[in-house]
Amino acid sequence: ARTEGFTWVSTALGAGFAPGAYLAGRIVD
């Protein structure tokens, strides 16, 4: 199941970056 595990890590990174960038942008504004 390692390929799936690595995919979950990549997905979690992307899922964190996207709202984090949005939130940071809103806070800057």
PDB file of all heavy atoms in Angstrom:
ATOM      1  N   ALA A   1       0.815  -1.220   0.000  1.00  0.00           N
ATOM      2  CA  ALA A   1       0.000   0.000   0.000  1.00  0.00           C
ATOM      3  C   ALA A   1       0.847   1.267   0.000  1.00  0.00           C
ATOM      4  O   ALA A   1       0.316   2.362   0.156  1.00  0.00           O
ATOM      5  CB  ALA A   1      -0.917  -0.002   1.215  1.00  0.00           C
ATOM      6  N   ARG A   2       2.163   1.148  -0.198  1.00  0.00           N
ATOM      7  CA  ARG A   2       3.027   2.331  -0.107  1.00  0.00           C
ATOM      8  C   ARG A   2       2.740   3.368  -1.178  1.00  0.00           C
ATOM      9  O   ARG A   2       2.792   4.567  -0.901  1.00  0.00           O
ATOM     10  CB  ARG A   2       4.493   1.922  -0.142  1.00  0.00           C
ATOM     11  CG  ARG A   2       4.926   1.417   1.194  1.00  0.00           C
ATOM     12  CD  ARG A   2       6.417   1.386   1.338  1.00  0.00           C
ATOM     13  NE  ARG A   2       6.710   0.656   2.554  1.00  0.00           N
ATOM     14  CZ  ARG A   2       7.508  -0.371   2.637  1.00  0.00           C
ATOM     15  NH1 ARG A   2       8.160  -0.780   1.562  1.00  0.00           N
ATOM     16  NH2 ARG A   2       7.694  -0.977   3.774  1.00  0.00           N
ATOM     17  N   THR A   3       2.464   2.958  -2.383  1.00  0.00           N
ATOM     18  CA  THR A   3       2.151   3.936  -3.426  1.00  0.00           C
ATOM     19  C   THR A   3       0.942   4.758  -3.006  1.00  0.00           C
ATOM     20  O   THR A   3       0.937   5.984  -3.140  1.00  0.00           O
ATOM     21  CB  THR A   3       1.891   3.241  -4.775  1.00  0.00           C
ATOM     22  OG1 THR A   3       3.069   2.520  -5.147  1.00  0.00           O
ATOM     23  CG2 THR A   3       1.548   4.248  -5.857  1.00  0.00           C
ATOM     24  N   GLU A   4      -0.058   4.104  -2.471  1.00  0.00           N
ATOM     25  CA  GLU A   4      -1.229   4.830  -1.981  1.00  0.00           C
ATOM     26  C   GLU A   4      -0.846   5.743  -0.814  1.00  0.00           C
ATOM     27  O   GLU A   4      -1.292   6.883  -0.729  1.00  0.00           O
ATOM     28  CB  GLU A   4      -2.307   3.855  -1.527  1.00  0.00           C
ATOM     29  CG  GLU A   4      -3.558   4.549  -1.032  1.00  0.00           C
ATOM     30  CD  GLU A   4      -4.636   3.588  -0.575  1.00  0.00           C
ATOM     31  OE1 GLU A   4      -4.505   2.364  -0.781  1.00  0.00           O
ATOM     32  OE2 GLU A   4      -5.619   4.066   0.012  1.00  0.00           O
ATOM     33  N   GLY A   5       0.021   5.259   0.074  1.00  0.00           N
ATOM     34  CA  GLY A   5       0.467   6.076   1.195  1.00  0.00           C
ATOM     35  C   GLY A   5       1.189   7.331   0.738  1.00  0.00           C
ATOM     36  O   GLY A   5       0.935   8.430   1.249  1.00  0.00           O
ATOM     37  N   PHE A   6       2.087   7.180  -0.233  1.00  0.00           N
ATOM     38  CA  PHE A   6       2.797   8.347  -0.766  1.00  0.00           C
ATOM     39  C   PHE A   6       1.830   9.301  -1.460  1.00  0.00           C
ATOM     40  O   PHE A   6       1.984  10.524  -1.395  1.00  0.00           O
ATOM     41  CB  PHE A   6       3.914   7.925  -1.723  1.00  0.00           C
ATOM     42  CG  PHE A   6       5.019   7.152  -1.068  1.00  0.00           C
ATOM     43  CD1 PHE A   6       5.531   6.012  -1.667  1.00  0.00           C
ATOM     44  CD2 PHE A   6       5.563   7.557   0.140  1.00  0.00           C
ATOM     45  CE1 PHE A   6       6.559   5.305  -1.069  1.00  0.00           C
ATOM     46  CE2 PHE A   6       6.590   6.859   0.745  1.00  0.00           C
ATOM     47  CZ  PHE A   6       7.091   5.721   0.143  1.00  0.00           C
ATOM     48  N   THR A   7       0.822   8.752  -2.113  1.00  0.00           N
ATOM     49  CA  THR A   7      -0.182   9.582  -2.774  1.00  0.00           C
ATOM     50  C   THR A   7      -0.970  10.382  -1.753  1.00  0.00           C
ATOM     51  O   THR A   7      -1.264  11.566  -1.964  1.00  0.00           O
ATOM     52  CB  THR A   7      -1.122   8.703  -3.623  1.00  0.00           C
ATOM     53  OG1 THR A   7      -0.336   7.997  -4.577  1.00  0.00           O
ATOM     54  CG2 THR A   7      -2.163   9.534  -4.343  1.00  0.00           C
ATOM     55  N   TRP A   8      -1.291   9.775  -0.612  1.00  0.00           N
ATOM     56  CA  TRP A   8      -1.997  10.496   0.440  1.00  0.00           C
ATOM     57  C   TRP A   8      -1.152  11.645   0.980  1.00  0.00           C
ATOM     58  O   TRP A   8      -1.670  12.731   1.266  1.00  0.00           O
ATOM     59  CB  TRP A   8      -2.412   9.564   1.580  1.00  0.00           C
ATOM     60  CG  TRP A   8      -3.688   8.828   1.288  1.00  0.00           C
ATOM     61  CD1 TRP A   8      -3.826   7.499   1.023  1.00  0.00           C
ATOM     62  CD2 TRP A   8      -4.990   9.386   1.211  1.00  0.00           C
ATOM     63  NE1 TRP A   8      -5.137   7.192   0.787  1.00  0.00           N
ATOM     64  CE2 TRP A   8      -5.878   8.348   0.892  1.00  0.00           C
ATOM     65  CE3 TRP A   8      -5.494  10.674   1.375  1.00  0.00           C
ATOM     66  CZ2 TRP A   8      -7.247   8.541   0.755  1.00  0.00           C
ATOM     67  CZ3 TRP A   8      -6.862  10.871   1.230  1.00  0.00           C
ATOM     68  CH2 TRP A   8      -7.715   9.818   0.914  1.00  0.00           C
ATOM     69  N   VAL A   9       0.157  11.430   1.118  1.00  0.00           N
ATOM     70  CA  VAL A   9       1.040  12.506   1.579  1.00  0.00           C
ATOM     71  C   VAL A   9       1.020  13.656   0.574  1.00  0.00           C
ATOM     72  O   VAL A   9       0.872  14.829   0.954  1.00  0.00           O
ATOM     73  CB  VAL A   9       2.486  12.001   1.797  1.00  0.00           C
ATOM     74  CG1 VAL A   9       3.442  13.161   2.033  1.00  0.00           C
ATOM     75  CG2 VAL A   9       2.540  11.031   2.962  1.00  0.00           C
ATOM     76  N   SER A  10       1.154  13.336  -0.706  1.00  0.00           N
ATOM     77  CA  SER A  10       1.133  14.381  -1.741  1.00  0.00           C
ATOM     78  C   SER A  10      -0.204  15.109  -1.762  1.00  0.00           C
ATOM     79  O   SER A  10      -0.256  16.336  -1.897  1.00  0.00           O
ATOM     80  CB  SER A  10       1.396  13.768  -3.122  1.00  0.00           C
ATOM     81  OG  SER A  10       2.681  13.197  -3.157  1.00  0.00           O
ATOM     82  N   THR A  11      -1.285  14.364  -1.625  1.00  0.00           N
ATOM     83  CA  THR A  11      -2.614  14.966  -1.600  1.00  0.00           C
ATOM     84  C   THR A  11      -2.771  15.880  -0.393  1.00  0.00           C
ATOM     85  O   THR A  11      -3.304  16.994  -0.493  1.00  0.00           O
ATOM     86  CB  THR A  11      -3.696  13.868  -1.590  1.00  0.00           C
ATOM     87  OG1 THR A  11      -3.534  13.063  -2.761  1.00  0.00           O
ATOM     88  CG2 THR A  11      -5.092  14.458  -1.552  1.00  0.00           C
ATOM     89  N   ALA A  12      -2.291  15.428   0.768  1.00  0.00           N
ATOM     90  CA  ALA A  12      -2.396  16.240   1.984  1.00  0.00           C
ATOM     91  C   ALA A  12      -1.590  17.528   1.852  1.00  0.00           C
ATOM     92  O   ALA A  12      -2.040  18.596   2.287  1.00  0.00           O
ATOM     93  CB  ALA A  12      -1.917  15.434   3.194  1.00  0.00           C
ATOM     94  N   LEU A  13      -0.408  17.447   1.246  1.00  0.00           N
ATOM     95  CA  LEU A  13       0.389  18.661   1.032  1.00  0.00           C
ATOM     96  C   LEU A  13      -0.369  19.654   0.153  1.00  0.00           C
ATOM     97  O   LEU A  13      -0.466  20.832   0.474  1.00  0.00           O
ATOM     98  CB  LEU A  13       1.740  18.320   0.409  1.00  0.00           C
ATOM     99  CG  LEU A  13       2.747  17.662   1.339  1.00  0.00           C
ATOM    100  CD1 LEU A  13       3.937  17.138   0.550  1.00  0.00           C
ATOM    101  CD2 LEU A  13       3.197  18.627   2.408  1.00  0.00           C
ATOM    102  N   GLY A  14      -0.899  19.173  -0.946  1.00  0.00           N
ATOM    103  CA  GLY A  14      -1.667  20.046  -1.835  1.00  0.00           C
ATOM    104  C   GLY A  14      -2.916  20.589  -1.167  1.00  0.00           C
ATOM    105  O   GLY A  14      -3.250  21.772  -1.301  1.00  0.00           O
ATOM    106  N   ALA A  15      -3.586  19.731  -0.398  1.00  0.00           N
ATOM    107  CA  ALA A  15      -4.803  20.158   0.293  1.00  0.00           C
ATOM    108  C   ALA A  15      -4.489  21.176   1.385  1.00  0.00           C
ATOM    109  O   ALA A  15      -5.347  21.985   1.740  1.00  0.00           O
ATOM    110  CB  ALA A  15      -5.519  18.950   0.890  1.00  0.00           C
ATOM    111  N   GLY A  16      -3.281  21.158   1.902  1.00  0.00           N
ATOM    112  CA  GLY A  16      -2.895  22.156   2.889  1.00  0.00           C
ATOM    113  C   GLY A  16      -2.404  23.439   2.258  1.00  0.00           C
ATOM    114  O   GLY A  16      -2.703  24.541   2.748  1.00  0.00           O
ATOM    115  N   PHE A  17      -1.640  23.317   1.173  1.00  0.00           N
ATOM    116  CA  PHE A  17      -1.101  24.508   0.509  1.00  0.00           C
ATOM    117  C   PHE A  17      -2.199  25.398  -0.057  1.00  0.00           C
ATOM    118  O   PHE A  17      -2.140  26.618   0.068  1.00  0.00           O
ATOM    119  CB  PHE A  17      -0.156  24.125  -0.639  1.00  0.00           C
ATOM    120  CG  PHE A  17       1.164  23.593  -0.199  1.00  0.00           C
ATOM    121  CD1 PHE A  17       1.794  22.601  -0.932  1.00  0.00           C
ATOM    122  CD2 PHE A  17       1.808  24.068   0.931  1.00  0.00           C
ATOM    123  CE1 PHE A  17       3.023  22.104  -0.545  1.00  0.00           C
ATOM    124  CE2 PHE A  17       3.039  23.584   1.331  1.00  0.00           C
ATOM    125  CZ  PHE A  17       3.651  22.595   0.589  1.00  0.00           C
ATOM    126  N   ALA A  18      -3.184  24.802  -0.694  1.00  0.00           N
ATOM    127  CA  ALA A  18      -4.214  25.595  -1.366  1.00  0.00           C
ATOM    128  C   ALA A  18      -4.995  26.484  -0.394  1.00  0.00           C
ATOM    129  O   ALA A  18      -5.034  27.707  -0.575  1.00  0.00           O
ATOM    130  CB  ALA A  18      -5.150  24.687  -2.163  1.00  0.00           C
ATOM    131  N   PRO A  19      -5.607  25.935   0.656  1.00  0.00           N
ATOM    132  CA  PRO A  19      -6.311  26.832   1.573  1.00  0.00           C
ATOM    133  C   PRO A  19      -5.360  27.725   2.360  1.00  0.00           C
ATOM    134  O   PRO A  19      -5.722  28.848   2.728  1.00  0.00           O
ATOM    135  CB  PRO A  19      -7.090  25.898   2.496  1.00  0.00           C
ATOM    136  CG  PRO A  19      -6.463  24.573   2.349  1.00  0.00           C
ATOM    137  CD  PRO A  19      -5.825  24.533   0.997  1.00  0.00           C
ATOM    138  N   GLY A  20      -4.136  27.249   2.602  1.00  0.00           N
ATOM    139  CA  GLY A  20      -3.157  28.080   3.308  1.00  0.00           C
ATOM    140  C   GLY A  20      -2.792  29.311   2.501  1.00  0.00           C
ATOM    141  O   GLY A  20      -2.704  30.422   3.049  1.00  0.00           O
ATOM    142  N   ALA A  21      -2.590  29.142   1.209  1.00  0.00           N
ATOM    143  CA  ALA A  21      -2.271  30.280   0.346  1.00  0.00           C
ATOM    144  C   ALA A  21      -3.457  31.238   0.264  1.00  0.00           C
ATOM    145  O   ALA A  21      -3.286  32.459   0.304  1.00  0.00           O
ATOM    146  CB  ALA A  21      -1.888  29.791  -1.047  1.00  0.00           C
ATOM    147  N   TYR A  22      -4.647  30.672   0.172  1.00  0.00           N
ATOM    148  CA  TYR A  22      -5.847  31.509   0.147  1.00  0.00           C
ATOM    149  C   TYR A  22      -5.969  32.309   1.444  1.00  0.00           C
ATOM    150  O   TYR A  22      -6.177  33.528   1.421  1.00  0.00           O
ATOM    151  CB  TYR A  22      -7.093  30.642  -0.064  1.00  0.00           C
ATOM    152  CG  TYR A  22      -8.377  31.399   0.143  1.00  0.00           C
ATOM    153  CD1 TYR A  22      -8.866  32.240  -0.859  1.00  0.00           C
ATOM    154  CD2 TYR A  22      -9.079  31.305   1.334  1.00  0.00           C
ATOM    155  CE1 TYR A  22     -10.039  32.956  -0.668  1.00  0.00           C
ATOM    156  CE2 TYR A  22     -10.247  32.020   1.530  1.00  0.00           C
ATOM    157  CZ  TYR A  22     -10.723  32.847   0.525  1.00  0.00           C
ATOM    158  OH  TYR A  22     -11.875  33.558   0.721  1.00  0.00           O
ATOM    159  N   LEU A  23      -5.821  31.622   2.576  1.00  0.00           N
ATOM    160  CA  LEU A  23      -5.948  32.284   3.872  1.00  0.00           C
ATOM    161  C   LEU A  23      -4.878  33.365   4.040  1.00  0.00           C
ATOM    162  O   LEU A  23      -5.181  34.484   4.470  1.00  0.00           O
ATOM    163  CB  LEU A  23      -5.834  31.254   5.005  1.00  0.00           C
ATOM    164  CG  LEU A  23      -5.898  31.797   6.426  1.00  0.00           C
ATOM    165  CD1 LEU A  23      -7.240  32.470   6.692  1.00  0.00           C
ATOM    166  CD2 LEU A  23      -5.660  30.664   7.418  1.00  0.00           C
ATOM    167  N   ALA A  24      -3.645  33.052   3.679  1.00  0.00           N
ATOM    168  CA  ALA A  24      -2.573  34.046   3.792  1.00  0.00           C
ATOM    169  C   ALA A  24      -2.866  35.261   2.920  1.00  0.00           C
ATOM    170  O   ALA A  24      -2.671  36.406   3.348  1.00  0.00           O
ATOM    171  CB  ALA A  24      -1.230  33.426   3.412  1.00  0.00           C
ATOM    172  N   GLY A  25      -3.349  35.029   1.720  1.00  0.00           N
ATOM    173  CA  GLY A  25      -3.693  36.145   0.833  1.00  0.00           C
ATOM    174  C   GLY A  25      -4.795  37.011   1.406  1.00  0.00           C
ATOM    175  O   GLY A  25      -4.725  38.238   1.350  1.00  0.00           O
ATOM    176  N   ARG A  26      -5.809  36.378   1.965  1.00  0.00           N
ATOM    177  CA  ARG A  26      -6.909  37.139   2.577  1.00  0.00           C
ATOM    178  C   ARG A  26      -6.405  37.954   3.768  1.00  0.00           C
ATOM    179  O   ARG A  26      -6.788  39.104   3.946  1.00  0.00           O
ATOM    180  CB  ARG A  26      -8.033  36.200   3.035  1.00  0.00           C
ATOM    181  CG  ARG A  26      -8.709  35.445   1.910  1.00  0.00           C
ATOM    182  CD  ARG A  26      -9.565  36.318   1.067  1.00  0.00           C
ATOM    183  NE  ARG A  26     -10.632  36.853   1.914  1.00  0.00           N
ATOM    184  CZ  ARG A  26     -11.442  37.815   1.559  1.00  0.00           C
ATOM    185  NH1 ARG A  26     -11.325  38.353   0.364  1.00  0.00           N
ATOM    186  NH2 ARG A  26     -12.368  38.252   2.364  1.00  0.00           N
ATOM    187  N   ILE A  27      -5.534  37.331   4.572  1.00  0.00           N
ATOM    188  CA  ILE A  27      -5.001  38.040   5.742  1.00  0.00           C
ATOM    189  C   ILE A  27      -4.135  39.214   5.303  1.00  0.00           C
ATOM    190  O   ILE A  27      -4.218  40.304   5.868  1.00  0.00           O
ATOM    191  CB  ILE A  27      -4.224  37.075   6.656  1.00  0.00           C
ATOM    192  CG1 ILE A  27      -5.200  36.081   7.300  1.00  0.00           C
ATOM    193  CG2 ILE A  27      -3.432  37.824   7.727  1.00  0.00           C
ATOM    194  CD1 ILE A  27      -4.535  34.928   8.002  1.00  0.00           C
ATOM    195  N   VAL A  28      -3.318  39.018   4.275  1.00  0.00           N
ATOM    196  CA  VAL A  28      -2.498  40.120   3.753  1.00  0.00           C
ATOM    197  C   VAL A  28      -3.395  41.257   3.289  1.00  0.00           C
ATOM    198  O   VAL A  28      -3.144  42.426   3.595  1.00  0.00           O
ATOM    199  CB  VAL A  28      -1.583  39.639   2.603  1.00  0.00           C
ATOM    200  CG1 VAL A  28      -0.972  40.813   1.861  1.00  0.00           C
ATOM    201  CG2 VAL A  28      -0.484  38.730   3.141  1.00  0.00           C
ATOM    202  N   ASP A  29      -4.449  40.929   2.543  1.00  0.00           N
ATOM    203  CA  ASP A  29      -5.366  41.960   2.054  1.00  0.00           C
ATOM    204  C   ASP A  29      -6.058  42.702   3.185  1.00  0.00           C
ATOM    205  O   ASP A  29      -6.272  43.913   3.113  1.00  0.00           O
ATOM    206  CB  ASP A  29      -6.432  41.346   1.133  1.00  0.00           C
ATOM    207  CG  ASP A  29      -5.870  40.925  -0.204  1.00  0.00           C
ATOM    208  OD1 ASP A  29      -4.740  41.342  -0.540  1.00  0.00           O
ATOM    209  OD2 ASP A  29      -6.549  40.145  -0.907  1.00  0.00           O
TER     210      ASP A  29
END
